[in-house]
Amino acid sequence: MISIAYNELDHLHDLDNHVENSERTKVIISKIKEIREKKEIKADFFVANELRYSDEIISWVKLVHKHDYIDLLIQKVKKIKKIDFLDPDTYITPHTLDVVFTNLELLFELCDRIIKSNGMGFAYIRPPGHHAESNRAMGFCIINNVAVLARFIQKQYNMKKIMIVDFDAHHGNGTQEIFYEDSSVLYFSTHAYPFYPFTGSLSEKGRSEGYGYTYNFPLSIYAGDKELINIYENEFISVFDSFQPDFLIVSSGYDIHSHDPITYMTCSTNGIKKIKDIIISKAGGKNLIFVLEGGYNLNVLKEVVEDDINRIK
């Protein structure tokens, strides 16, 4: 069983002239609806059409983010009138936390369905999260979605070992930092290097109890299908087999595509499909979720979601 989630209200976190804007998910949602009009899709859909903001969600967020950071962020969002910035790249609106917390609720519901159906899922949510560290926003990211989700799965379903795979062109410094001393969450990243955020070298392998549970595969900023597929056919499979995760979360960054406007990597749509094929096959198509991170070419995003939908039999 394949399940799909998206938030109809993420346009409430938006800045028109910013590359990370609501058009990214608007084109994805439109493509899903277009396909559904033409044929029946045998999937479970989780669609948010109302905002959700609760103390329970905040408590989950505080399992991975510093309490002071979250408390200050909540106060800051309450005070702004229209737009403010947490850093030169990362904007917030009066409804940013409404959107982010709603996204997390969607992820929780989606994962509940994935686990109970022994299936997999795709979450098309924004803003992205993998640059958000435990105590700061960064690189368009405010809350680390996949990190919160990993802790939720561990606590709610007693799944002890979580593997996070990140194929975004940018290294997920936030996800790495949050779990750097944790042996229960393995982080595996392929990314352009040296490139923003200039972390993710081969020497970064974890610390203390987490040493050996961070795997970085820095690639040329112009790397493409051959280099990425080789790593996923070999290193990814080896690490997966060794760690034997109970659940696999994929930070899906489609800015590895050659048509992306803010990166230089040269993957094709077919190359991305092949990477996902390898991941899905290794996971056996179960206890697996793909969560949107980067990817800023709208046509590429439409192609990606069409491929995802075509996986539904």
Protein backbone atom coordinates (compact mmCIF):
# COMPACT_ATOMS: atom_id res chain seq x y z
CA MET A 1 0.00 0.00 0.00
CA ILE A 2 1.23 3.49 -0.90
CA SER A 3 0.02 6.57 0.98
CA ILE A 4 0.37 10.22 0.00
CA ALA A 5 0.21 13.42 2.07
CA TYR A 6 0.16 17.12 1.25
CA ASN A 7 -0.93 20.38 2.86
CA GLU A 8 -3.41 22.54 0.93
CA LEU A 9 -2.61 25.50 3.19
CA ASP A 10 1.17 25.73 2.97
CA HIS A 11 0.75 28.89 0.85
CA LEU A 12 0.34 30.68 4.19
CA HIS A 13 4.11 30.34 4.48
CA ASP A 14 5.12 32.13 1.30
CA LEU A 15 7.32 34.84 -0.18
CA ASP A 16 6.75 35.41 -3.90
CA ASN A 17 10.26 36.39 -4.95
CA HIS A 18 11.93 33.68 -2.84
CA VAL A 19 13.01 30.44 -4.52
CA GLU A 20 11.39 28.42 -1.70
CA ASN A 21 7.80 29.48 -2.33
CA SER A 22 4.39 27.83 -2.42
CA GLU A 23 4.48 27.24 -6.18
CA ARG A 24 6.64 24.21 -5.42
CA THR A 25 3.82 22.27 -3.83
CA LYS A 26 1.06 23.92 -5.85
CA VAL A 27 2.38 22.26 -9.01
CA ILE A 28 2.72 18.93 -7.20
CA ILE A 29 -0.83 19.07 -5.85
CA SER A 30 -2.17 20.13 -9.26
CA LYS A 31 -0.40 17.20 -10.91
CA ILE A 32 -1.84 14.76 -8.37
CA LYS A 33 -5.36 16.12 -8.94
CA GLU A 34 -4.90 16.02 -12.71
CA ILE A 35 -3.89 12.37 -12.59
CA ARG A 36 -6.75 11.50 -10.22
CA GLU A 37 -9.26 13.04 -12.64
CA LYS A 38 -8.06 10.69 -15.36
CA LYS A 39 -7.86 7.46 -13.40
CA GLU A 40 -8.51 5.90 -10.03
CA ILE A 41 -5.45 5.91 -7.80
CA LYS A 42 -5.45 3.11 -5.25
CA ALA A 43 -3.72 4.99 -2.46
CA ASP A 44 -4.58 6.53 0.88
CA PHE A 45 -4.51 10.32 0.76
CA PHE A 46 -3.87 12.52 3.78
CA VAL A 47 -4.72 16.10 2.91
CA ALA A 48 -4.59 19.01 5.35
CA ASN A 49 -7.22 21.64 4.62
CA GLU A 50 -7.27 23.17 8.07
CA LEU A 51 -4.40 24.35 10.27
CA ARG A 52 -3.41 22.36 13.32
CA TYR A 53 -1.44 23.86 16.19
CA SER A 54 -1.23 22.01 19.48
CA ASP A 55 0.88 21.68 22.61
CA GLU A 56 1.29 18.01 21.77
CA ILE A 57 3.01 18.83 18.47
CA ILE A 58 5.25 21.34 20.25
CA SER A 59 6.25 18.65 22.75
CA TRP A 60 7.32 16.38 19.89
CA VAL A 61 9.30 19.23 18.30
CA LYS A 62 11.11 19.84 21.59
CA LEU A 63 12.43 16.28 21.55
CA VAL A 64 14.88 17.36 18.84
CA HIS A 65 15.04 21.16 19.10
CA LYS A 66 16.26 23.17 22.09
CA HIS A 67 13.38 24.45 24.21
CA ASP A 68 14.75 28.02 24.17
CA TYR A 69 14.89 28.03 20.37
CA ILE A 70 11.28 26.88 20.02
CA ASP A 71 9.95 29.23 22.71
CA LEU A 72 11.70 32.22 21.14
CA LEU A 73 10.51 31.18 17.68
CA ILE A 74 6.90 30.99 18.86
CA GLN A 75 7.16 34.47 20.37
CA LYS A 76 8.82 35.89 17.27
CA VAL A 77 6.14 34.53 14.94
CA LYS A 78 3.40 35.97 17.15
CA LYS A 79 4.87 39.47 16.84
CA ILE A 80 5.44 39.77 13.09
CA LYS A 81 2.93 41.49 10.83
CA LYS A 82 3.85 40.11 7.42
CA ILE A 83 7.40 38.83 6.78
CA ASP A 84 10.53 38.52 8.89
CA PHE A 85 13.82 36.64 8.49
CA LEU A 86 15.53 34.22 10.86
CA ASP A 87 18.70 34.38 8.76
CA PRO A 88 19.47 35.88 5.32
CA ASP A 89 17.85 32.88 3.58
CA THR A 90 15.03 31.83 5.90
CA TYR A 91 11.80 33.81 6.11
CA ILE A 92 8.80 33.45 8.40
CA THR A 93 5.21 34.69 8.18
CA PRO A 94 2.52 34.98 10.86
CA HIS A 95 1.34 31.47 9.86
CA THR A 96 4.70 29.72 9.43
CA LEU A 97 4.39 27.63 12.58
CA ASP A 98 0.76 26.80 11.77
CA VAL A 99 1.97 25.38 8.47
CA VAL A 100 4.98 23.56 9.93
CA PHE A 101 3.04 22.01 12.81
CA THR A 102 0.27 20.96 10.41
CA ASN A 103 2.92 19.31 8.24
CA LEU A 104 4.20 17.37 11.24
CA GLU A 105 0.69 16.20 12.10
CA LEU A 106 0.36 15.01 8.49
CA LEU A 107 3.66 13.15 8.75
CA PHE A 108 2.53 11.45 11.95
CA GLU A 109 -0.77 10.35 10.37
CA LEU A 110 0.99 9.20 7.22
CA CYS A 111 3.51 7.13 9.17
CA ASP A 112 0.77 5.58 11.26
CA ARG A 113 -0.86 4.40 8.04
CA ILE A 114 2.46 3.24 6.57
CA ILE A 115 3.27 1.14 9.63
CA LYS A 116 -0.21 -0.34 10.00
CA SER A 117 -0.48 -1.17 6.29
CA ASN A 118 3.09 -2.45 6.00
CA GLY A 119 3.53 0.03 3.16
CA MET A 120 5.32 3.21 2.12
CA GLY A 121 4.47 6.84 1.54
CA PHE A 122 5.30 10.19 -0.02
CA ALA A 123 4.96 13.49 1.86
CA TYR A 124 4.95 16.62 -0.31
CA ILE A 125 5.42 19.26 2.35
CA ARG A 126 7.24 22.55 2.66
CA PRO A 127 9.13 24.44 4.00
CA PRO A 128 11.97 21.90 3.98
CA GLY A 129 13.72 20.97 7.21
CA HIS A 130 17.09 19.23 6.91
CA HIS A 131 19.22 22.36 7.48
CA ALA A 132 17.45 23.24 10.75
CA GLU A 133 19.75 22.42 13.65
CA SER A 134 18.70 21.79 17.23
CA ASN A 135 19.01 25.48 18.13
CA ARG A 136 18.66 27.46 14.91
CA ALA A 137 16.93 27.85 11.56
CA MET A 138 19.04 27.78 8.42
CA GLY A 139 18.81 27.48 4.64
CA PHE A 140 15.01 27.89 4.23
CA CYS A 141 14.48 25.39 7.10
CA ILE A 142 12.82 26.23 10.43
CA ILE A 143 11.93 22.88 12.03
CA ASN A 144 13.71 19.65 11.11
CA ASN A 145 10.76 17.59 9.86
CA VAL A 146 12.56 14.28 9.42
CA ALA A 147 14.30 14.54 12.80
CA VAL A 148 11.01 15.11 14.62
CA LEU A 149 9.47 12.25 12.64
CA ALA A 150 12.32 9.90 13.57
CA ARG A 151 11.78 10.55 17.28
CA PHE A 152 8.02 10.19 16.88
CA ILE A 153 8.41 6.77 15.25
CA GLN A 154 10.82 5.62 17.95
CA LYS A 155 8.60 6.74 20.83
CA GLN A 156 5.18 5.97 19.37
CA TYR A 157 5.89 2.60 17.76
CA ASN A 158 8.91 1.38 19.73
CA MET A 159 10.94 1.15 16.53
CA LYS A 160 14.44 1.49 17.89
CA LYS A 161 16.58 1.87 14.76
CA ILE A 162 15.80 4.61 12.24
CA MET A 163 17.82 5.28 9.09
CA ILE A 164 17.62 8.68 7.41
CA VAL A 165 18.83 8.84 3.81
CA ASP A 166 19.36 12.30 2.31
CA PHE A 167 19.93 12.72 -1.44
CA ASP A 168 19.47 16.50 -1.56
CA ALA A 169 22.23 18.41 -3.35
CA HIS A 170 22.88 20.24 -0.08
CA HIS A 171 24.19 18.38 2.95
CA GLY A 172 21.60 18.03 5.73
CA ASN A 173 23.74 19.63 8.40
CA GLY A 174 20.77 19.94 10.76
CA THR A 175 19.82 16.28 10.66
CA GLN A 176 23.46 15.32 11.12
CA GLU A 177 23.92 17.67 14.09
CA ILE A 178 20.78 16.50 15.89
CA PHE A 179 21.77 12.82 15.75
CA TYR A 180 25.58 13.16 15.74
CA GLU A 181 25.95 11.47 19.15
CA ASP A 182 23.06 9.02 18.71
CA SER A 183 23.54 5.41 17.63
CA SER A 184 19.81 4.77 17.23
CA VAL A 185 19.41 7.07 14.21
CA LEU A 186 21.80 6.51 11.31
CA TYR A 187 22.30 9.40 8.88
CA PHE A 188 23.40 8.65 5.28
CA SER A 189 23.96 11.57 2.92
CA THR A 190 25.04 12.10 -0.68
CA HIS A 191 25.58 15.76 -1.58
CA ALA A 192 27.64 18.28 -3.52
CA TYR A 193 30.87 19.30 -1.80
CA PRO A 194 32.27 21.84 -1.19
CA PHE A 195 28.89 23.51 -1.44
CA TYR A 196 26.38 25.10 0.93
CA PRO A 197 26.28 24.51 3.91
CA PHE A 198 29.93 23.40 3.59
CA THR A 199 29.51 20.46 5.95
CA GLY A 200 29.39 16.74 5.22
CA SER A 201 33.03 15.81 4.68
CA LEU A 202 34.18 12.20 4.77
CA SER A 203 35.74 12.79 8.18
CA GLU A 204 32.37 13.60 9.79
CA LYS A 205 31.33 10.21 11.14
CA GLY A 206 29.57 10.97 14.41
CA ARG A 207 30.75 11.48 17.97
CA SER A 208 30.74 9.50 21.21
CA GLU A 209 28.01 6.82 21.06
CA GLY A 210 27.07 8.08 17.61
CA TYR A 211 30.48 7.53 16.07
CA GLY A 212 30.12 5.36 12.99
CA TYR A 213 26.44 6.21 12.52
CA THR A 214 26.96 9.18 10.21
CA TYR A 215 27.85 8.36 6.62
CA ASN A 216 28.77 11.22 4.29
CA PHE A 217 29.46 10.80 0.58
CA PRO A 218 30.58 14.21 -0.70
CA LEU A 219 30.50 14.46 -4.48
CA SER A 220 31.62 16.91 -7.13
CA ILE A 221 29.22 19.84 -7.40
CA TYR A 222 28.64 18.64 -11.00
CA ALA A 223 28.01 14.97 -10.11
CA GLY A 224 25.19 13.20 -11.92
CA ASP A 225 23.42 9.90 -12.42
CA LYS A 226 26.51 7.68 -12.64
CA GLU A 227 28.06 8.87 -9.38
CA LEU A 228 24.82 8.88 -7.37
CA ILE A 229 23.53 5.55 -8.64
CA ASN A 230 26.89 3.90 -7.94
CA ILE A 231 26.74 4.97 -4.28
CA TYR A 232 23.15 3.80 -3.84
CA GLU A 233 23.82 0.48 -5.56
CA ASN A 234 26.81 -0.20 -3.33
CA GLU A 235 27.38 1.89 -0.19
CA PHE A 236 23.71 2.45 0.60
CA ILE A 237 22.87 -1.24 0.31
CA SER A 238 25.89 -2.18 2.42
CA VAL A 239 25.05 0.31 5.19
CA PHE A 240 21.37 -0.69 5.16
CA ASP A 241 22.24 -4.38 5.45
CA SER A 242 24.65 -3.70 8.29
CA PHE A 243 22.32 -1.41 10.30
CA GLN A 244 19.04 -3.23 9.57
CA PRO A 245 16.75 -0.25 10.30
CA ASP A 246 13.22 -0.68 11.57
CA PHE A 247 12.09 2.33 9.53
CA LEU A 248 13.62 4.31 6.66
CA ILE A 249 13.07 8.05 6.16
CA VAL A 250 14.28 9.66 2.93
CA SER A 251 15.01 13.38 2.73
CA SER A 252 14.16 13.79 -0.94
CA GLY A 253 15.95 16.73 -2.50
CA TYR A 254 15.21 17.14 -6.19
CA ASP A 255 17.76 19.93 -6.56
CA ILE A 256 20.16 17.22 -7.73
CA HIS A 257 18.43 17.54 -11.12
CA SER A 258 20.38 19.19 -13.94
CA HIS A 259 17.58 21.75 -14.44
CA ASP A 260 17.54 23.01 -10.86
CA PRO A 261 18.11 26.79 -10.74
CA ILE A 262 20.25 26.95 -7.58
CA THR A 263 22.58 23.94 -7.84
CA TYR A 264 25.03 22.48 -10.36
CA MET A 265 24.43 18.74 -10.06
CA THR A 266 23.48 16.96 -13.27
CA CYS A 267 21.07 14.14 -12.46
CA SER A 268 18.27 13.30 -14.86
CA THR A 269 14.66 12.48 -14.03
CA ASN A 270 15.39 8.85 -14.90
CA GLY A 271 18.44 8.93 -12.65
CA ILE A 272 16.36 10.13 -9.72
CA LYS A 273 13.82 7.40 -10.47
CA LYS A 274 16.62 4.82 -10.39
CA ILE A 275 17.89 6.08 -7.01
CA LYS A 276 14.39 5.76 -5.59
CA ASP A 277 13.98 2.31 -7.17
CA ILE A 278 17.10 1.13 -5.34
CA ILE A 279 15.92 2.55 -2.01
CA ILE A 280 12.40 1.12 -2.35
CA SER A 281 13.68 -2.29 -3.40
CA LYS A 282 16.12 -2.51 -0.50
CA ALA A 283 13.44 -1.48 2.00
CA GLY A 284 11.05 -4.02 0.51
CA GLY A 285 8.52 -1.25 -0.14
CA LYS A 286 7.56 -1.07 3.53
CA ASN A 287 8.24 1.09 6.59
CA LEU A 288 9.53 3.75 4.23
CA ILE A 289 8.65 7.41 3.69
CA PHE A 290 9.95 9.98 1.20
CA VAL A 291 9.76 13.55 2.57
CA LEU A 292 10.24 16.54 0.27
CA GLU A 293 13.29 18.71 0.95
CA GLY A 294 14.80 20.83 -1.86
CA GLY A 295 14.05 21.03 -5.55
CA TYR A 296 13.18 24.34 -7.18
CA ASN A 297 12.43 23.60 -10.83
CA LEU A 298 8.66 23.30 -11.07
CA ASN A 299 8.67 21.05 -14.13
CA VAL A 300 11.03 18.64 -12.39
CA LEU A 301 8.73 18.50 -9.37
CA LYS A 302 5.80 17.61 -11.64
CA GLU A 303 7.85 14.85 -13.27
CA VAL A 304 8.87 13.47 -9.88
CA VAL A 305 5.34 13.28 -8.50
CA GLU A 306 4.11 11.65 -11.72
CA ASP A 307 6.76 8.96 -11.28
CA ASP A 308 5.72 8.48 -7.66
CA ILE A 309 2.05 8.10 -8.64
CA ASN A 310 2.98 5.63 -11.37
CA ARG A 311 4.40 3.35 -8.67
CA ILE A 312 0.88 2.77 -7.38
CA LYS A 313 -0.52 -0.44 -8.82
